[in-house]
Amino acid sequence: MSEVDGSHYRVVVNDEEQYSIWPVEQELPPGWHAEGTEGARTHCLEHIDRVWTDMRPRSVREYLSA
């Protein structure tokens, strides 16, 4: 559980490979899917900080590498 608000979160990612967190008890918004990491808000944000090293959307990265 989150040490601040008592909520449990999951890490979510969209088709552009952008990350966010979302409360576990809420349905995911369209276009987002669970990445697999769940826990306290700080745990999820620390995970995102480790794995999301290039914040440009996937389509921009692909365009610039072409």
PDB file of N, CA and C in Angstrom:
ATOM      1  N   MET A   1       0.827  -1.185   0.000  1.00  0.00           N
ATOM      2  CA  MET A   1       0.000   0.000   0.000  1.00  0.00           C
ATOM      3  C   MET A   1       0.873   1.251   0.000  1.00  0.00           C
ATOM      4  N   SER A   2       0.344   2.295  -0.580  1.00  0.00           N
ATOM      5  CA  SER A   2       1.072   3.546  -0.638  1.00  0.00           C
ATOM      6  C   SER A   2       1.196   4.137   0.761  1.00  0.00           C
ATOM      7  N   GLU A   3       2.360   4.645   1.045  1.00  0.00           N
ATOM      8  CA  GLU A   3       2.583   5.247   2.343  1.00  0.00           C
ATOM      9  C   GLU A   3       1.889   6.592   2.489  1.00  0.00           C
ATOM     10  N   VAL A   4       1.421   7.177   1.402  1.00  0.00           N
ATOM     11  CA  VAL A   4       0.792   8.493   1.448  1.00  0.00           C
ATOM     12  C   VAL A   4      -0.728   8.395   1.463  1.00  0.00           C
ATOM     13  N   ASP A   5      -1.313   7.697   0.503  1.00  0.00           N
ATOM     14  CA  ASP A   5      -2.769   7.726   0.372  1.00  0.00           C
ATOM     15  C   ASP A   5      -3.434   6.356   0.509  1.00  0.00           C
ATOM     16  N   GLY A   6      -2.680   5.325   0.805  1.00  0.00           N
ATOM     17  CA  GLY A   6      -3.262   4.006   0.990  1.00  0.00           C
ATOM     18  C   GLY A   6      -3.633   3.296  -0.291  1.00  0.00           C
ATOM     19  N   SER A   7      -3.304   3.863  -1.437  1.00  0.00           N
ATOM     20  CA  SER A   7      -3.662   3.255  -2.712  1.00  0.00           C
ATOM     21  C   SER A   7      -2.571   2.320  -3.207  1.00  0.00           C
ATOM     22  N   HIS A   8      -2.988   1.398  -4.046  1.00  0.00           N
ATOM     23  CA  HIS A   8      -2.106   0.429  -4.682  1.00  0.00           C
ATOM     24  C   HIS A   8      -2.133   0.750  -6.169  1.00  0.00           C
ATOM     25  N   TYR A   9      -0.971   0.874  -6.790  1.00  0.00           N
ATOM     26  CA  TYR A   9      -0.880   1.304  -8.179  1.00  0.00           C
ATOM     27  C   TYR A   9      -0.270   0.220  -9.057  1.00  0.00           C
ATOM     28  N   ARG A  10      -0.465   0.389 -10.367  1.00  0.00           N
ATOM     29  CA  ARG A  10       0.209  -0.447 -11.358  1.00  0.00           C
ATOM     30  C   ARG A  10       0.878   0.478 -12.360  1.00  0.00           C
ATOM     31  N   VAL A  11       1.965  -0.005 -12.929  1.00  0.00           N
ATOM     32  CA  VAL A  11       2.637   0.729 -13.996  1.00  0.00           C
ATOM     33  C   VAL A  11       1.921   0.386 -15.293  1.00  0.00           C
ATOM     34  N   VAL A  12       1.603   1.418 -16.063  1.00  0.00           N
ATOM     35  CA  VAL A  12       0.925   1.231 -17.344  1.00  0.00           C
ATOM     36  C   VAL A  12       1.753   1.874 -18.448  1.00  0.00           C
ATOM     37  N   VAL A  13       1.556   1.365 -19.660  1.00  0.00           N
ATOM     38  CA  VAL A  13       2.291   1.870 -20.818  1.00  0.00           C
ATOM     39  C   VAL A  13       1.330   1.921 -22.001  1.00  0.00           C
ATOM     40  N   ASN A  14       1.537   2.898 -22.889  1.00  0.00           N
ATOM     41  CA  ASN A  14       0.674   3.004 -24.061  1.00  0.00           C
ATOM     42  C   ASN A  14       1.439   2.564 -25.310  1.00  0.00           C
ATOM     43  N   ASP A  15       0.786   2.643 -26.466  1.00  0.00           N
ATOM     44  CA  ASP A  15       1.407   2.190 -27.714  1.00  0.00           C
ATOM     45  C   ASP A  15       2.607   3.034 -28.123  1.00  0.00           C
ATOM     46  N   GLU A  16       2.726   4.218 -27.588  1.00  0.00           N
ATOM     47  CA  GLU A  16       3.869   5.086 -27.859  1.00  0.00           C
ATOM     48  C   GLU A  16       5.005   4.840 -26.866  1.00  0.00           C
ATOM     49  N   GLU A  17       4.844   3.815 -26.018  1.00  0.00           N
ATOM     50  CA  GLU A  17       5.825   3.431 -24.998  1.00  0.00           C
ATOM     51  C   GLU A  17       6.061   4.540 -23.981  1.00  0.00           C
ATOM     52  N   GLN A  18       4.985   5.239 -23.636  1.00  0.00           N
ATOM     53  CA  GLN A  18       5.012   6.231 -22.569  1.00  0.00           C
ATOM     54  C   GLN A  18       4.453   5.572 -21.314  1.00  0.00           C
ATOM     55  N   TYR A  19       5.063   5.838 -20.178  1.00  0.00           N
ATOM     56  CA  TYR A  19       4.710   5.196 -18.921  1.00  0.00           C
ATOM     57  C   TYR A  19       3.922   6.124 -18.015  1.00  0.00           C
ATOM     58  N   SER A  20       3.132   5.504 -17.146  1.00  0.00           N
ATOM     59  CA  SER A  20       2.401   6.229 -16.117  1.00  0.00           C
ATOM     60  C   SER A  20       2.040   5.230 -15.020  1.00  0.00           C
ATOM     61  N   ILE A  21       1.367   5.728 -13.979  1.00  0.00           N
ATOM     62  CA  ILE A  21       0.826   4.826 -12.960  1.00  0.00           C
ATOM     63  C   ILE A  21      -0.684   4.992 -12.936  1.00  0.00           C
ATOM     64  N   TRP A  22      -1.368   3.947 -12.488  1.00  0.00           N
ATOM     65  CA  TRP A  22      -2.827   3.952 -12.470  1.00  0.00           C
ATOM     66  C   TRP A  22      -3.286   3.142 -11.262  1.00  0.00           C
ATOM     67  N   PRO A  23      -4.296   3.614 -10.544  1.00  0.00           N
ATOM     68  CA  PRO A  23      -4.788   2.846  -9.393  1.00  0.00           C
ATOM     69  C   PRO A  23      -5.266   1.453  -9.822  1.00  0.00           C
ATOM     70  N   VAL A  24      -4.861   0.434  -9.081  1.00  0.00           N
ATOM     71  CA  VAL A  24      -5.191  -0.950  -9.410  1.00  0.00           C
ATOM     72  C   VAL A  24      -6.694  -1.183  -9.457  1.00  0.00           C
ATOM     73  N   GLU A  25      -7.431  -0.509  -8.596  1.00  0.00           N
ATOM     74  CA  GLU A  25      -8.873  -0.758  -8.515  1.00  0.00           C
ATOM     75  C   GLU A  25      -9.672  -0.093  -9.635  1.00  0.00           C
ATOM     76  N   GLN A  26      -9.019   0.720 -10.454  1.00  0.00           N
ATOM     77  CA  GLN A  26      -9.725   1.383 -11.553  1.00  0.00           C
ATOM     78  C   GLN A  26      -9.420   0.708 -12.890  1.00  0.00           C
ATOM     79  N   GLU A  27     -10.425   0.695 -13.758  1.00  0.00           N
ATOM     80  CA  GLU A  27     -10.254   0.164 -15.102  1.00  0.00           C
ATOM     81  C   GLU A  27      -9.264   1.045 -15.862  1.00  0.00           C
ATOM     82  N   LEU A  28      -8.423   0.421 -16.660  1.00  0.00           N
ATOM     83  CA  LEU A  28      -7.442   1.182 -17.420  1.00  0.00           C
ATOM     84  C   LEU A  28      -8.119   2.002 -18.512  1.00  0.00           C
ATOM     85  N   PRO A  29      -7.590   3.190 -18.776  1.00  0.00           N
ATOM     86  CA  PRO A  29      -8.149   3.992 -19.860  1.00  0.00           C
ATOM     87  C   PRO A  29      -7.811   3.361 -21.210  1.00  0.00           C
ATOM     88  N   PRO A  30      -8.600   3.654 -22.235  1.00  0.00           N
ATOM     89  CA  PRO A  30      -8.322   3.104 -23.564  1.00  0.00           C
ATOM     90  C   PRO A  30      -6.902   3.458 -24.024  1.00  0.00           C
ATOM     91  N   GLY A  31      -6.249   2.498 -24.650  1.00  0.00           N
ATOM     92  CA  GLY A  31      -4.912   2.725 -25.183  1.00  0.00           C
ATOM     93  C   GLY A  31      -3.776   2.436 -24.222  1.00  0.00           C
ATOM     94  N   TRP A  32      -4.088   2.050 -22.995  1.00  0.00           N
ATOM     95  CA  TRP A  32      -3.062   1.756 -22.000  1.00  0.00           C
ATOM     96  C   TRP A  32      -3.184   0.299 -21.571  1.00  0.00           C
ATOM     97  N   HIS A  33      -2.039  -0.328 -21.241  1.00  0.00           N
ATOM     98  CA  HIS A  33      -2.064  -1.692 -20.717  1.00  0.00           C
ATOM     99  C   HIS A  33      -1.081  -1.811 -19.560  1.00  0.00           C
ATOM    100  N   ALA A  34      -1.377  -2.760 -18.689  1.00  0.00           N
ATOM    101  CA  ALA A  34      -0.528  -2.980 -17.509  1.00  0.00           C
ATOM    102  C   ALA A  34       0.819  -3.527 -17.952  1.00  0.00           C
ATOM    103  N   GLU A  35       1.875  -2.997 -17.393  1.00  0.00           N
ATOM    104  CA  GLU A  35       3.243  -3.390 -17.711  1.00  0.00           C
ATOM    105  C   GLU A  35       3.688  -4.565 -16.847  1.00  0.00           C
ATOM    106  N   GLY A  36       3.069  -4.723 -15.686  1.00  0.00           N
ATOM    107  CA  GLY A  36       3.397  -5.850 -14.815  1.00  0.00           C
ATOM    108  C   GLY A  36       3.856  -5.473 -13.419  1.00  0.00           C
ATOM    109  N   THR A  37       4.270  -4.244 -13.220  1.00  0.00           N
ATOM    110  CA  THR A  37       4.736  -3.796 -11.914  1.00  0.00           C
ATOM    111  C   THR A  37       3.574  -3.189 -11.136  1.00  0.00           C
ATOM    112  N   GLU A  38       3.433  -3.593  -9.874  1.00  0.00           N
ATOM    113  CA  GLU A  38       2.398  -3.045  -8.991  1.00  0.00           C
ATOM    114  C   GLU A  38       2.987  -2.793  -7.620  1.00  0.00           C
ATOM    115  N   GLY A  39       2.360  -1.887  -6.880  1.00  0.00           N
ATOM    116  CA  GLY A  39       2.783  -1.631  -5.510  1.00  0.00           C
ATOM    117  C   GLY A  39       2.479  -0.212  -5.096  1.00  0.00           C
ATOM    118  N   ALA A  40       3.239   0.252  -4.131  1.00  0.00           N
ATOM    119  CA  ALA A  40       3.093   1.618  -3.634  1.00  0.00           C
ATOM    120  C   ALA A  40       3.459   2.603  -4.736  1.00  0.00           C
ATOM    121  N   ARG A  41       2.911   3.784  -4.631  1.00  0.00           N
ATOM    122  CA  ARG A  41       3.162   4.839  -5.629  1.00  0.00           C
ATOM    123  C   ARG A  41       4.661   5.050  -5.841  1.00  0.00           C
ATOM    124  N   THR A  42       5.415   5.168  -4.758  1.00  0.00           N
ATOM    125  CA  THR A  42       6.855   5.411  -4.873  1.00  0.00           C
ATOM    126  C   THR A  42       7.565   4.252  -5.559  1.00  0.00           C
ATOM    127  N   HIS A  43       7.164   3.023  -5.260  1.00  0.00           N
ATOM    128  CA  HIS A  43       7.754   1.840  -5.902  1.00  0.00           C
ATOM    129  C   HIS A  43       7.530   1.895  -7.415  1.00  0.00           C
ATOM    130  N   CYS A  44       6.311   2.198  -7.827  1.00  0.00           N
ATOM    131  CA  CYS A  44       5.977   2.260  -9.253  1.00  0.00           C
ATOM    132  C   CYS A  44       6.732   3.392  -9.949  1.00  0.00           C
ATOM    133  N   LEU A  45       6.802   4.549  -9.313  1.00  0.00           N
ATOM    134  CA  LEU A  45       7.510   5.679  -9.917  1.00  0.00           C
ATOM    135  C   LEU A  45       9.011   5.416 -10.008  1.00  0.00           C
ATOM    136  N   GLU A  46       9.579   4.749  -9.026  1.00  0.00           N
ATOM    137  CA  GLU A  46      10.996   4.396  -9.086  1.00  0.00           C
ATOM    138  C   GLU A  46      11.261   3.409 -10.223  1.00  0.00           C
ATOM    139  N   HIS A  47      10.348   2.463 -10.420  1.00  0.00           N
ATOM    140  CA  HIS A  47      10.479   1.510 -11.528  1.00  0.00           C
ATOM    141  C   HIS A  47      10.448   2.249 -12.871  1.00  0.00           C
ATOM    142  N   ILE A  48       9.493   3.166 -13.031  1.00  0.00           N
ATOM    143  CA  ILE A  48       9.406   3.935 -14.268  1.00  0.00           C
ATOM    144  C   ILE A  48      10.687   4.726 -14.486  1.00  0.00           C
ATOM    145  N   ASP A  49      11.226   5.311 -13.441  1.00  0.00           N
ATOM    146  CA  ASP A  49      12.456   6.085 -13.545  1.00  0.00           C
ATOM    147  C   ASP A  49      13.616   5.222 -14.050  1.00  0.00           C
ATOM    148  N   ARG A  50      13.634   3.950 -13.670  1.00  0.00           N
ATOM    149  CA  ARG A  50      14.696   3.030 -14.109  1.00  0.00           C
ATOM    150  C   ARG A  50      14.514   2.583 -15.558  1.00  0.00           C
ATOM    151  N   VAL A  51      13.281   2.320 -15.988  1.00  0.00           N
ATOM    152  CA  VAL A  51      13.072   1.700 -17.300  1.00  0.00           C
ATOM    153  C   VAL A  51      12.753   2.683 -18.418  1.00  0.00           C
ATOM    154  N   TRP A  52      12.240   3.857 -18.112  1.00  0.00           N
ATOM    155  CA  TRP A  52      11.849   4.815 -19.157  1.00  0.00           C
ATOM    156  C   TRP A  52      12.978   5.811 -19.332  1.00  0.00           C
ATOM    157  N   THR A  53      13.983   5.407 -20.091  1.00  0.00           N
ATOM    158  CA  THR A  53      15.195   6.214 -20.218  1.00  0.00           C
ATOM    159  C   THR A  53      15.149   7.202 -21.380  1.00  0.00           C
ATOM    160  N   ASP A  54      14.287   6.962 -22.346  1.00  0.00           N
ATOM    161  CA  ASP A  54      14.123   7.877 -23.479  1.00  0.00           C
ATOM    162  C   ASP A  54      12.658   8.290 -23.510  1.00  0.00           C
ATOM    163  N   MET A  55      12.378   9.509 -23.104  1.00  0.00           N
ATOM    164  CA  MET A  55      10.996   9.939 -22.924  1.00  0.00           C
ATOM    165  C   MET A  55      10.303  10.359 -24.219  1.00  0.00           C
ATOM    166  N   ARG A  56      11.018  10.304 -25.328  1.00  0.00           N
ATOM    167  CA  ARG A  56      10.368  10.624 -26.594  1.00  0.00           C
ATOM    168  C   ARG A  56       9.375   9.515 -26.948  1.00  0.00           C
ATOM    169  N   PRO A  57       8.210   9.872 -27.495  1.00  0.00           N
ATOM    170  CA  PRO A  57       7.270   8.847 -27.942  1.00  0.00           C
ATOM    171  C   PRO A  57       7.923   7.929 -28.988  1.00  0.00           C
ATOM    172  N   ARG A  58       7.492   6.678 -29.023  1.00  0.00           N
ATOM    173  CA  ARG A  58       8.053   5.692 -29.946  1.00  0.00           C
ATOM    174  C   ARG A  58       8.036   6.196 -31.385  1.00  0.00           C
ATOM    175  N   SER A  59       6.935   6.812 -31.822  1.00  0.00           N
ATOM    176  CA  SER A  59       6.828   7.279 -33.202  1.00  0.00           C
ATOM    177  C   SER A  59       7.886   8.348 -33.523  1.00  0.00           C
ATOM    178  N   VAL A  60       8.212   9.184 -32.568  1.00  0.00           N
ATOM    179  CA  VAL A  60       9.241  10.204 -32.780  1.00  0.00           C
ATOM    180  C   VAL A  60      10.609   9.543 -32.871  1.00  0.00           C
ATOM    181  N   ARG A  61      10.896   8.587 -31.981  1.00  0.00           N
ATOM    182  CA  ARG A  61      12.183   7.878 -32.045  1.00  0.00           C
ATOM    183  C   ARG A  61      12.353   7.185 -33.383  1.00  0.00           C
ATOM    184  N   GLU A  62      11.289   6.513 -33.853  1.00  0.00           N
ATOM    185  CA  GLU A  62      11.365   5.809 -35.134  1.00  0.00           C
ATOM    186  C   GLU A  62      11.556   6.783 -36.295  1.00  0.00           C
ATOM    187  N   TYR A  63      10.858   7.896 -36.274  1.00  0.00           N
ATOM    188  CA  TYR A  63      10.978   8.901 -37.327  1.00  0.00           C
ATOM    189  C   TYR A  63      12.407   9.453 -37.375  1.00  0.00           C
ATOM    190  N   LEU A  64      12.970   9.770 -36.231  1.00  0.00           N
ATOM    191  CA  LEU A  64      14.311  10.350 -36.181  1.00  0.00           C
ATOM    192  C   LEU A  64      15.401   9.346 -36.522  1.00  0.00           C
ATOM    193  N   SER A  65      15.136   8.057 -36.367  1.00  0.00           N
ATOM    194  CA  SER A  65      16.161   7.049 -36.685  1.00  0.00           C
ATOM    195  C   SER A  65      16.076   6.583 -38.131  1.00  0.00           C
ATOM    196  N   ALA A  66      15.063   7.043 -38.870  1.00  0.00           N
ATOM    197  CA  ALA A  66      14.888   6.614 -40.268  1.00  0.00           C
ATOM    198  C   ALA A  66      15.791   7.402 -41.190  1.00  0.00           C
TER     199      ALA A  66
END
